[in-house]
C-alpha atoms as a PDB file:
ATOM      1  CA  MET A   1     -37.334  87.518 -17.382  1.00  0.00           C
ATOM      2  CA  ASP A   2     -39.775  84.614 -17.465  1.00  0.00           C
ATOM      3  CA  GLU A   3     -42.918  85.780 -19.235  1.00  0.00           C
ATOM      4  CA  SER A   4     -44.770  82.712 -18.038  1.00  0.00           C
ATOM      5  CA  LYS A   5     -44.670  84.024 -14.570  1.00  0.00           C
ATOM      6  CA  ARG A   6     -46.870  86.689 -13.314  1.00  0.00           C
ATOM      7  CA  LEU A   7     -45.643  90.043 -14.007  1.00  0.00           C
ATOM      8  CA  VAL A   8     -46.022  93.083 -11.790  1.00  0.00           C
ATOM      9  CA  THR A   9     -45.160  96.876 -12.064  1.00  0.00           C
ATOM     10  CA  VAL A  10     -42.784  98.471  -9.629  1.00  0.00           C
ATOM     11  CA  THR A  11     -41.909 102.084  -9.853  1.00  0.00           C
ATOM     12  CA  ILE A  12     -38.102 102.886  -9.385  1.00  0.00           C
ATOM     13  CA  ASN A  13     -37.167 106.598  -9.412  1.00  0.00           C
ATOM     14  CA  GLY A  14     -40.431 107.418 -10.995  1.00  0.00           C
ATOM     15  CA  VAL A  15     -39.990 104.832 -13.911  1.00  0.00           C
ATOM     16  CA  ASP A  16     -42.470 102.136 -14.196  1.00  0.00           C
ATOM     17  CA  CYS A  17     -40.699  98.768 -14.525  1.00  0.00           C
ATOM     18  CA  ARG A  18     -42.059  95.188 -15.401  1.00  0.00           C
ATOM     19  CA  ALA A  19     -40.842  92.416 -13.244  1.00  0.00           C
ATOM     20  CA  GLU A  20     -41.552  88.897 -12.078  1.00  0.00           C
ATOM     21  CA  GLU A  21     -43.599  88.936  -8.995  1.00  0.00           C
ATOM     22  CA  GLY A  22     -41.076  88.293  -6.214  1.00  0.00           C
ATOM     23  CA  GLU A  23     -38.030  89.021  -8.230  1.00  0.00           C
ATOM     24  CA  ILE A  24     -35.211  90.741  -6.330  1.00  0.00           C
ATOM     25  CA  LEU A  25     -35.486  94.451  -6.736  1.00  0.00           C
ATOM     26  CA  LEU A  26     -31.706  94.816  -7.306  1.00  0.00           C
ATOM     27  CA  SER A  27     -31.955  92.604 -10.338  1.00  0.00           C
ATOM     28  CA  VAL A  28     -34.821  94.567 -11.726  1.00  0.00           C
ATOM     29  CA  ALA A  29     -33.139  97.837 -11.428  1.00  0.00           C
ATOM     30  CA  THR A  30     -29.830  96.302 -13.005  1.00  0.00           C
ATOM     31  CA  ARG A  31     -31.813  95.081 -15.896  1.00  0.00           C
ATOM     32  CA  GLU A  32     -33.514  98.574 -16.419  1.00  0.00           C
ATOM     33  CA  GLY A  33     -30.063 100.254 -16.283  1.00  0.00           C
ATOM     34  CA  ILE A  34     -30.631 101.739 -12.969  1.00  0.00           C
ATOM     35  CA  ALA A  35     -27.389 101.572 -10.970  1.00  0.00           C
ATOM     36  CA  ILE A  36     -27.480 100.657  -7.192  1.00  0.00           C
ATOM     37  CA  PRO A  37     -24.109 100.192  -5.545  1.00  0.00           C
ATOM     38  CA  HIS A  38     -23.614  96.683  -3.981  1.00  0.00           C
ATOM     39  CA  LEU A  39     -20.976  94.288  -2.942  1.00  0.00           C
ATOM     40  CA  CYS A  40     -22.480  91.149  -1.437  1.00  0.00           C
ATOM     41  CA  TYR A  41     -25.182  90.203  -4.063  1.00  0.00           C
ATOM     42  CA  GLU A  42     -24.763  87.309  -6.470  1.00  0.00           C
ATOM     43  CA  GLU A  43     -27.688  85.919  -8.464  1.00  0.00           C
ATOM     44  CA  ALA A  44     -26.605  82.283  -7.823  1.00  0.00           C
ATOM     45  CA  LEU A  45     -26.672  82.734  -4.005  1.00  0.00           C
ATOM     46  CA  ASP A  46     -29.489  83.466  -1.511  1.00  0.00           C
ATOM     47  CA  PRO A  47     -29.808  87.253  -0.697  1.00  0.00           C
ATOM     48  CA  TYR A  48     -27.859  88.135   2.397  1.00  0.00           C
ATOM     49  CA  GLY A  49     -28.042  91.970   2.774  1.00  0.00           C
ATOM     50  CA  ALA A  50     -24.556  92.195   4.400  1.00  0.00           C
ATOM     51  CA  CYS A  51     -22.774  95.140   2.644  1.00  0.00           C
ATOM     52  CA  ARG A  52     -25.705  97.482   3.297  1.00  0.00           C
ATOM     53  CA  LEU A  53     -24.676  99.676   0.329  1.00  0.00           C
ATOM     54  CA  CYS A  54     -27.797  98.913  -1.762  1.00  0.00           C
ATOM     55  CA  MET A  55     -30.174 100.505   0.768  1.00  0.00           C
ATOM     56  CA  VAL A  56     -33.224 102.123  -1.064  1.00  0.00           C
ATOM     57  CA  GLU A  57     -36.230 104.057   0.245  1.00  0.00           C
ATOM     58  CA  VAL A  58     -39.516 102.229  -0.032  1.00  0.00           C
ATOM     59  CA  GLU A  59     -43.107 103.697   0.283  1.00  0.00           C
ATOM     60  CA  LYS A  60     -45.491 101.679   2.387  1.00  0.00           C
ATOM     61  CA  ARG A  61     -48.918 102.922   3.284  1.00  0.00           C
ATOM     62  CA  GLY A  62     -47.861 106.528   2.927  1.00  0.00           C
ATOM     63  CA  LYS A  63     -44.724 106.037   5.021  1.00  0.00           C
ATOM     64  CA  ARG A  64     -41.067 105.741   3.709  1.00  0.00           C
ATOM     65  CA  GLU A  65     -38.532 103.280   5.032  1.00  0.00           C
ATOM     66  CA  MET A  66     -35.173 102.154   4.167  1.00  0.00           C
ATOM     67  CA  THR A  67     -34.333  98.634   3.183  1.00  0.00           C
ATOM     68  CA  THR A  68     -31.783  96.538   1.118  1.00  0.00           C
ATOM     69  CA  ALA A  69     -32.477  96.153  -2.500  1.00  0.00           C
ATOM     70  CA  CYS A  70     -30.877  92.753  -2.651  1.00  0.00           C
ATOM     71  CA  THR A  71     -33.527  91.382  -0.202  1.00  0.00           C
ATOM     72  CA  LEU A  72     -36.480  93.477  -1.405  1.00  0.00           C
ATOM     73  CA  ARG A  73     -39.019  91.437  -3.585  1.00  0.00           C
ATOM     74  CA  ALA A  74     -41.056  92.986  -6.458  1.00  0.00           C
ATOM     75  CA  LEU A  75     -44.729  93.341  -5.694  1.00  0.00           C
ATOM     76  CA  ASP A  76     -47.289  95.050  -7.827  1.00  0.00           C
ATOM     77  CA  GLY A  77     -47.522  98.765  -7.106  1.00  0.00           C
ATOM     78  CA  LEU A  78     -44.162  98.877  -5.143  1.00  0.00           C
ATOM     79  CA  THR A  79     -42.723 102.363  -5.217  1.00  0.00           C
ATOM     80  CA  VAL A  80     -38.852 102.839  -4.833  1.00  0.00           C
ATOM     81  CA  VAL A  81     -36.368 105.567  -4.731  1.00  0.00           C
ATOM     82  CA  THR A  82     -32.588 104.614  -5.011  1.00  0.00           C
ATOM     83  CA  ASP A  83     -30.995 107.823  -4.281  1.00  0.00           C
ATOM     84  CA  THR A  84     -31.833 110.435  -1.629  1.00  0.00           C
ATOM     85  CA  PRO A  85     -29.754 112.621   0.610  1.00  0.00           C
ATOM     86  CA  GLU A  86     -30.368 110.198   3.487  1.00  0.00           C
ATOM     87  CA  ILE A  87     -29.425 107.242   1.362  1.00  0.00           C
ATOM     88  CA  GLU A  88     -26.218 108.969   0.115  1.00  0.00           C
ATOM     89  CA  ARG A  89     -25.268 109.847   3.676  1.00  0.00           C
ATOM     90  CA  HIS A  90     -25.821 106.296   4.764  1.00  0.00           C
ATOM     91  CA  ARG A  91     -23.598 105.040   1.868  1.00  0.00           C
ATOM     92  CA  ARG A  92     -20.809 107.421   2.640  1.00  0.00           C
ATOM     93  CA  ILE A  93     -20.709 106.322   6.234  1.00  0.00           C
ATOM     94  CA  ILE A  94     -20.554 102.774   5.095  1.00  0.00           C
ATOM     95  CA  LEU A  95     -17.832 103.345   2.590  1.00  0.00           C
ATOM     96  CA  GLU A  96     -15.804 105.103   5.258  1.00  0.00           C
ATOM     97  CA  LEU A  97     -16.028 101.922   7.284  1.00  0.00           C
ATOM     98  CA  TYR A  98     -14.878  99.909   4.374  1.00  0.00           C
ATOM     99  CA  LEU A  99     -11.975 102.228   3.789  1.00  0.00           C
ATOM    100  CA  ALA A 100     -10.830 101.435   7.324  1.00  0.00           C
ATOM    101  CA  GLN A 101     -11.659  97.772   6.959  1.00  0.00           C
ATOM    102  CA  ALA A 102     -10.210  97.089   3.521  1.00  0.00           C
ATOM    103  CA  PRO A 103      -7.688  99.861   2.677  1.00  0.00           C
ATOM    104  CA  LYS A 104      -6.066  97.919  -0.023  1.00  0.00           C
ATOM    105  CA  ALA A 105      -9.141  97.224  -1.896  1.00  0.00           C
ATOM    106  CA  ASP A 106      -9.115  98.990  -5.311  1.00  0.00           C
ATOM    107  CA  ARG A 107     -12.916  98.627  -5.808  1.00  0.00           C
ATOM    108  CA  ILE A 108     -13.688 100.068  -2.351  1.00  0.00           C
ATOM    109  CA  ARG A 109     -11.627 103.082  -3.031  1.00  0.00           C
ATOM    110  CA  GLU A 110     -13.284 103.645  -6.422  1.00  0.00           C
ATOM    111  CA  MET A 111     -16.678 103.398  -4.990  1.00  0.00           C
ATOM    112  CA  ALA A 112     -15.822 105.764  -2.169  1.00  0.00           C
ATOM    113  CA  ALA A 113     -14.386 108.270  -4.689  1.00  0.00           C
ATOM    114  CA  ARG A 114     -17.767 108.323  -6.497  1.00  0.00           C
ATOM    115  CA  TYR A 115     -19.395 109.350  -3.285  1.00  0.00           C
ATOM    116  CA  GLY A 116     -16.799 111.928  -2.496  1.00  0.00           C
ATOM    117  CA  VAL A 117     -15.050 109.798   0.307  1.00  0.00           C
ATOM    118  CA  THR A 118     -11.445 110.066   0.139  1.00  0.00           C
ATOM    119  CA  LYS A 119     -10.440 109.352   3.715  1.00  0.00           C
ATOM    120  CA  THR A 120     -12.041 107.618   6.841  1.00  0.00           C
ATOM    121  CA  ARG A 121     -12.577 108.946  10.408  1.00  0.00           C
ATOM    122  CA  PHE A 122     -12.409 105.307  11.571  1.00  0.00           C
ATOM    123  CA  ILE A 123      -9.177 103.628  12.507  1.00  0.00           C
ATOM    124  CA  ARG A 124      -8.260 100.041  12.048  1.00  0.00           C
ATOM    125  CA  LYS A 125      -4.654  98.924  12.345  1.00  0.00           C
ATOM    126  CA  VAL A 126      -3.455  97.464   8.991  1.00  0.00           C
ATOM    127  CA  ASP A 127      -2.097  93.820   9.498  1.00  0.00           C
ATOM    128  CA  PRO A 128       0.755  93.060   7.249  1.00  0.00           C
ATOM    129  CA  THR A 129       0.316  89.315   7.855  1.00  0.00           C
ATOM    130  CA  ASP A 130      -3.386  89.426   6.843  1.00  0.00           C
ATOM    131  CA  PRO A 131      -3.953  86.468   4.431  1.00  0.00           C
ATOM    132  CA  LEU A 132      -6.603  88.484   2.638  1.00  0.00           C
ATOM    133  CA  GLY A 133      -4.372  91.388   2.080  1.00  0.00           C
ATOM    134  CA  ASN A 134      -6.425  93.855   3.932  1.00  0.00           C
ATOM    135  CA  ARG A 135      -9.112  93.834   1.158  1.00  0.00           C
ATOM    136  CA  CYS A 136     -11.752  91.801   2.833  1.00  0.00           C
ATOM    137  CA  VAL A 137     -15.034  93.710   3.742  1.00  0.00           C
ATOM    138  CA  LEU A 138     -16.618  90.507   5.279  1.00  0.00           C
ATOM    139  CA  CYS A 139     -19.370  90.528   2.574  1.00  0.00           C
ATOM    140  CA  GLY A 140     -19.753  86.782   2.964  1.00  0.00           C
ATOM    141  CA  LEU A 141     -19.877  85.792  -0.746  1.00  0.00           C
ATOM    142  CA  CYS A 142     -16.952  83.382  -0.493  1.00  0.00           C
ATOM    143  CA  VAL A 143     -18.384  81.714   2.631  1.00  0.00           C
ATOM    144  CA  ARG A 144     -21.730  81.360   0.987  1.00  0.00           C
ATOM    145  CA  ALA A 145     -20.296  80.033  -2.219  1.00  0.00           C
ATOM    146  CA  CYS A 146     -18.356  77.482  -0.580  1.00  0.00           C
ATOM    147  CA  HIS A 147     -21.275  76.324   1.482  1.00  0.00           C
ATOM    148  CA  GLU A 148     -24.483  76.922  -0.749  1.00  0.00           C
ATOM    149  CA  LEU A 149     -23.031  76.238  -4.226  1.00  0.00           C
ATOM    150  CA  MET A 150     -20.101  73.751  -3.643  1.00  0.00           C
ATOM    151  CA  GLY A 151     -21.340  72.120  -0.487  1.00  0.00           C
ATOM    152  CA  ALA A 152     -17.699  72.042   0.900  1.00  0.00           C
ATOM    153  CA  GLY A 153     -17.967  74.268   3.936  1.00  0.00           C
ATOM    154  CA  ALA A 154     -14.055  74.699   3.901  1.00  0.00           C
ATOM    155  CA  ILE A 155     -14.179  78.321   5.109  1.00  0.00           C
ATOM    156  CA  ASN A 156     -16.355  80.405   7.536  1.00  0.00           C
ATOM    157  CA  PHE A 157     -16.500  83.478   9.705  1.00  0.00           C
ATOM    158  CA  ILE A 158     -14.006  83.306  12.711  1.00  0.00           C
ATOM    159  CA  ASN A 159     -14.207  85.314  15.817  1.00  0.00           C
ATOM    160  CA  ARG A 160     -16.766  88.006  16.538  1.00  0.00           C
ATOM    161  CA  GLY A 161     -17.074  91.882  16.457  1.00  0.00           C
ATOM    162  CA  ALA A 162     -14.098  93.869  15.306  1.00  0.00           C
ATOM    163  CA  TYR A 163     -12.104  90.696  15.211  1.00  0.00           C
ATOM    164  CA  THR A 164     -14.190  88.831  12.846  1.00  0.00           C
ATOM    165  CA  VAL A 165     -12.270  87.321   9.790  1.00  0.00           C
ATOM    166  CA  VAL A 166     -12.922  84.590   7.111  1.00  0.00           C
ATOM    167  CA  ASN A 167     -10.631  81.758   6.958  1.00  0.00           C
ATOM    168  CA  THR A 168     -10.317  78.024   7.590  1.00  0.00           C
ATOM    169  CA  PRO A 169     -10.668  76.478  11.198  1.00  0.00           C
ATOM    170  CA  PHE A 170      -7.676  77.487  13.103  1.00  0.00           C
ATOM    171  CA  PHE A 171      -6.192  79.133   9.920  1.00  0.00           C
ATOM    172  CA  GLU A 172      -4.881  75.704   8.916  1.00  0.00           C
ATOM    173  CA  ALA A 173      -4.924  73.939   5.660  1.00  0.00           C
ATOM    174  CA  ASN A 174      -8.385  72.378   5.235  1.00  0.00           C
ATOM    175  CA  PRO A 175      -8.703  68.986   3.428  1.00  0.00           C
ATOM    176  CA  VAL A 176     -12.387  69.510   2.543  1.00  0.00           C
ATOM    177  CA  CYS A 177     -11.352  72.409   0.224  1.00  0.00           C
ATOM    178  CA  LEU A 178     -12.081  71.266  -3.369  1.00  0.00           C
ATOM    179  CA  GLY A 179      -9.732  74.051  -4.862  1.00  0.00           C
ATOM    180  CA  CYS A 180     -12.636  75.044  -7.046  1.00  0.00           C
ATOM    181  CA  GLY A 181     -11.839  78.708  -6.855  1.00  0.00           C
ATOM    182  CA  ALA A 182     -15.501  79.861  -6.324  1.00  0.00           C
ATOM    183  CA  CYS A 183     -14.494  81.911  -3.452  1.00  0.00           C
ATOM    184  CA  ALA A 184     -12.063  83.848  -5.627  1.00  0.00           C
ATOM    185  CA  ARG A 185     -14.664  84.068  -8.379  1.00  0.00           C
ATOM    186  CA  VAL A 186     -17.332  85.788  -6.323  1.00  0.00           C
ATOM    187  CA  CYS A 187     -15.040  88.070  -4.041  1.00  0.00           C
ATOM    188  CA  PRO A 188     -15.868  91.627  -5.007  1.00  0.00           C
ATOM    189  CA  THR A 189     -12.518  92.952  -3.683  1.00  0.00           C
ATOM    190  CA  ASP A 190      -9.928  90.497  -5.099  1.00  0.00           C
ATOM    191  CA  ALA A 191      -9.122  89.416  -1.604  1.00  0.00           C
ATOM    192  CA  VAL A 192      -8.735  85.641  -2.242  1.00  0.00           C
ATOM    193  CA  ARG A 193      -5.330  84.523  -3.531  1.00  0.00           C
ATOM    194  CA  ILE A 194      -4.995  81.260  -5.482  1.00  0.00           C
ATOM    195  CA  GLU A 195      -1.941  80.076  -7.370  1.00  0.00           C
ATOM    196  CA  ASP A 196      -1.188  76.993  -9.291  1.00  0.00           C
ATOM    197  CA  ILE A 197       2.348  75.494  -8.693  1.00  0.00           C
ATOM    198  CA  ASP A 198       3.914  72.271  -9.810  1.00  0.00           C
ATOM    199  CA  GLY A 199       0.772  70.266 -10.211  1.00  0.00           C
ATOM    200  CA  GLU A 200      -0.951  71.752  -7.150  1.00  0.00           C
ATOM    201  CA  ARG A 201      -3.500  74.517  -6.498  1.00  0.00           C
ATOM    202  CA  VAL A 202      -2.424  76.549  -3.516  1.00  0.00           C
ATOM    203  CA  MET A 203      -5.190  78.389  -1.729  1.00  0.00           C
ATOM    204  CA  GLN A 204      -2.869  81.050  -0.210  1.00  0.00           C
ATOM    205  CA  SER A 205      -5.638  82.773   1.569  1.00  0.00           C
ATOM    206  CA  TRP A 206      -6.915  79.587   3.316  1.00  0.00           C
ATOM    207  CA  GLY A 207      -4.034  78.240   5.379  1.00  0.00           C
ATOM    208  CA  SER A 208      -2.098  77.514   2.253  1.00  0.00           C
ATOM    209  CA  THR A 209      -4.333  74.636   1.568  1.00  0.00           C
ATOM    210  CA  ARG A 210      -3.013  72.469  -1.308  1.00  0.00           C
ATOM    211  CA  VAL A 211      -5.136  70.556  -3.822  1.00  0.00           C
ATOM    212  CA  SER A 212      -3.743  68.221  -6.317  1.00  0.00           C
ATOM    213  CA  LEU A 213      -4.526  69.246 -10.009  1.00  0.00           C
ATOM    214  CA  ALA A 214      -5.624  66.708 -12.685  1.00  0.00           C
ATOM    215  CA  GLN A 215      -3.132  66.230 -15.537  1.00  0.00           C
ATOM    216  CA  CYS A 216      -4.599  66.113 -19.073  1.00  0.00           C
ATOM    217  CA  ARG A 217      -3.869  62.771 -20.535  1.00  0.00           C
ATOM    218  CA  VAL A 218      -3.649  64.271 -24.028  1.00  0.00           C
ATOM    219  CA  CYS A 219      -1.260  67.352 -23.665  1.00  0.00           C
ATOM    220  CA  GLY A 220       0.011  66.624 -20.275  1.00  0.00           C
ATOM    221  CA  GLU A 221      -0.947  70.010 -18.973  1.00  0.00           C
ATOM    222  CA  TYR A 222      -2.484  70.446 -15.293  1.00  0.00           C
ATOM    223  CA  PHE A 223      -5.837  71.940 -15.664  1.00  0.00           C
ATOM    224  CA  ALA A 224      -8.302  71.348 -12.774  1.00  0.00           C
ATOM    225  CA  PRO A 225      -8.336  70.147  -9.194  1.00  0.00           C
ATOM    226  CA  ALA A 226      -8.589  66.363  -9.186  1.00  0.00           C
ATOM    227  CA  SER A 227     -11.146  66.246  -6.370  1.00  0.00           C
ATOM    228  CA  LEU A 228     -13.559  68.762  -8.088  1.00  0.00           C
ATOM    229  CA  GLY A 229     -13.318  66.484 -11.160  1.00  0.00           C
ATOM    230  CA  GLU A 230     -14.236  63.389  -9.319  1.00  0.00           C
ATOM    231  CA  ARG A 231     -17.025  65.244  -7.346  1.00  0.00           C
ATOM    232  CA  ILE A 232     -18.512  66.481 -10.833  1.00  0.00           C
ATOM    233  CA  ALA A 233     -18.108  63.059 -12.458  1.00  0.00           C
ATOM    234  CA  ALA A 234     -20.044  61.428  -9.673  1.00  0.00           C
ATOM    235  CA  ARG A 235     -22.916  63.713 -10.246  1.00  0.00           C
ATOM    236  CA  ILE A 236     -23.241  63.603 -14.021  1.00  0.00           C
ATOM    237  CA  ASP A 237     -26.091  61.365 -15.391  1.00  0.00           C
ATOM    238  CA  PRO A 238     -25.412  59.829 -17.801  1.00  0.00           C
ATOM    239  CA  PRO A 239     -21.566  59.530 -17.018  1.00  0.00           C
ATOM    240  CA  LEU A 240     -19.052  61.525 -18.876  1.00  0.00           C
ATOM    241  CA  ARG A 241     -17.825  59.642 -21.985  1.00  0.00           C
ATOM    242  CA  ASP A 242     -14.399  57.941 -21.549  1.00  0.00           C
ATOM    243  CA  ASP A 243     -12.858  60.053 -24.428  1.00  0.00           C
ATOM    244  CA  LEU A 244     -13.610  63.203 -22.500  1.00  0.00           C
ATOM    245  CA  HIS A 245     -12.691  62.174 -19.005  1.00  0.00           C
ATOM    246  CA  GLY A 246      -9.318  63.418 -17.840  1.00  0.00           C
ATOM    247  CA  VAL A 247      -8.978  65.812 -20.898  1.00  0.00           C
ATOM    248  CA  CYS A 248      -8.387  69.526 -20.406  1.00  0.00           C
ATOM    249  CA  PRO A 249     -11.101  71.889 -22.046  1.00  0.00           C
ATOM    250  CA  ALA A 250      -8.596  72.740 -24.851  1.00  0.00           C
ATOM    251  CA  CYS A 251      -7.928  69.325 -25.950  1.00  0.00           C
ATOM    252  CA  ARG A 252     -11.646  68.426 -25.433  1.00  0.00           C
ATOM    253  CA  ALA A 253     -12.576  71.170 -27.826  1.00  0.00           C
ATOM    254  CA  LYS A 254      -9.957  70.145 -30.408  1.00  0.00           C
ATOM    255  CA  GLY A 255     -11.297  66.502 -30.226  1.00  0.00           C
ATOM    256  CA  ILE A 256     -14.874  67.503 -30.767  1.00  0.00           C
ATOM    257  CA  ALA A 257     -14.083  69.798 -33.556  1.00  0.00           C
ATOM    258  CA  ARG A 258     -12.039  66.965 -35.310  1.00  0.00           C
ATOM    259  CA  LYS A 259     -14.913  64.641 -34.954  1.00  0.00           C
ATOM    260  CA  GLU A 260     -17.391  67.212 -36.386  1.00  0.00           C
ATOM    261  CA  ILE A 261     -15.036  67.887 -39.413  1.00  0.00           C
ATOM    262  CA  LEU A 262     -14.583  64.106 -39.968  1.00  0.00           C
ATOM    263  CA  ALA A 263     -18.234  63.564 -39.920  1.00  0.00           C
ATOM    264  CA  GLN A 264     -18.796  66.411 -42.458  1.00  0.00           C
ATOM    265  CA  THR A 265     -16.011  65.408 -44.833  1.00  0.00           C
ATOM    266  CA  GLY A 266     -16.614  61.809 -44.697  1.00  0.00           C
ATOM    267  CA  GLY A 267     -13.635  60.961 -42.714  1.00  0.00           C
ATOM    268  CA  VAL A 268     -11.066  62.947 -44.783  1.00  0.00           C
ATOM    269  CA  ILE A 269      -9.150  66.009 -43.354  1.00  0.00           C
ATOM    270  CA  ARG A 270      -7.354  67.991 -46.114  1.00  0.00           C
ATOM    271  CA  HIS A 271      -4.396  70.081 -44.900  1.00  0.00           C
ATOM    272  CA  VAL A 272      -4.031  73.412 -46.691  1.00  0.00           C
END
């Protein structure tokens, strides 16, 4: 929390909490140790409110209404309740829908169990060929990370309604993919599959897109997508030092450590 910003007091479940004005309520609650279930929120991305699990009750002008904690901004005097019978009923219905949508997702089953949901009334045929392994809940985190953070736009929502899925255009390999893995990193249900094989990163969930990996010029190990390294190098100012360019993190750390030791020992390394 940035103390230089204007601080306000919000009340969550009867507890007064200090927060930056305009701070996301979900972040405030998390910092205060107040658990609110959610799937689609990531601090590095713009709030989206897709999963609807973080619904809370807000008091405004004597009236109560439900809204998503991941899009609600902290204002002085804001009063919020995170658990009511109505909110729990809402979450159970949403989790039933997710059980039908993503029956293979362990996190969904665990969240559902906490709310006493062990089966679903909704029916969705399990697709054995689904590249996301019947784990995707369409939270949009992977799409937003690809667009907002990486600026690649390799994946997007395809089709509409009950037929909506996330993938590359026409489900084919997409050359604009950087192979960065941001999509897999933010996925809450472990739906995105990536594998490094013989010097290539295979984005198995995205039309088996293949991205060449850079090879460390010190140890020879493949360590990162070459296109991603070039993209990062082009944006670094001042440029990356020559002795660090094309070197894997492990060898880079060893090289830096060696220089530090030489500097401290006057250029002498004693082996014990």
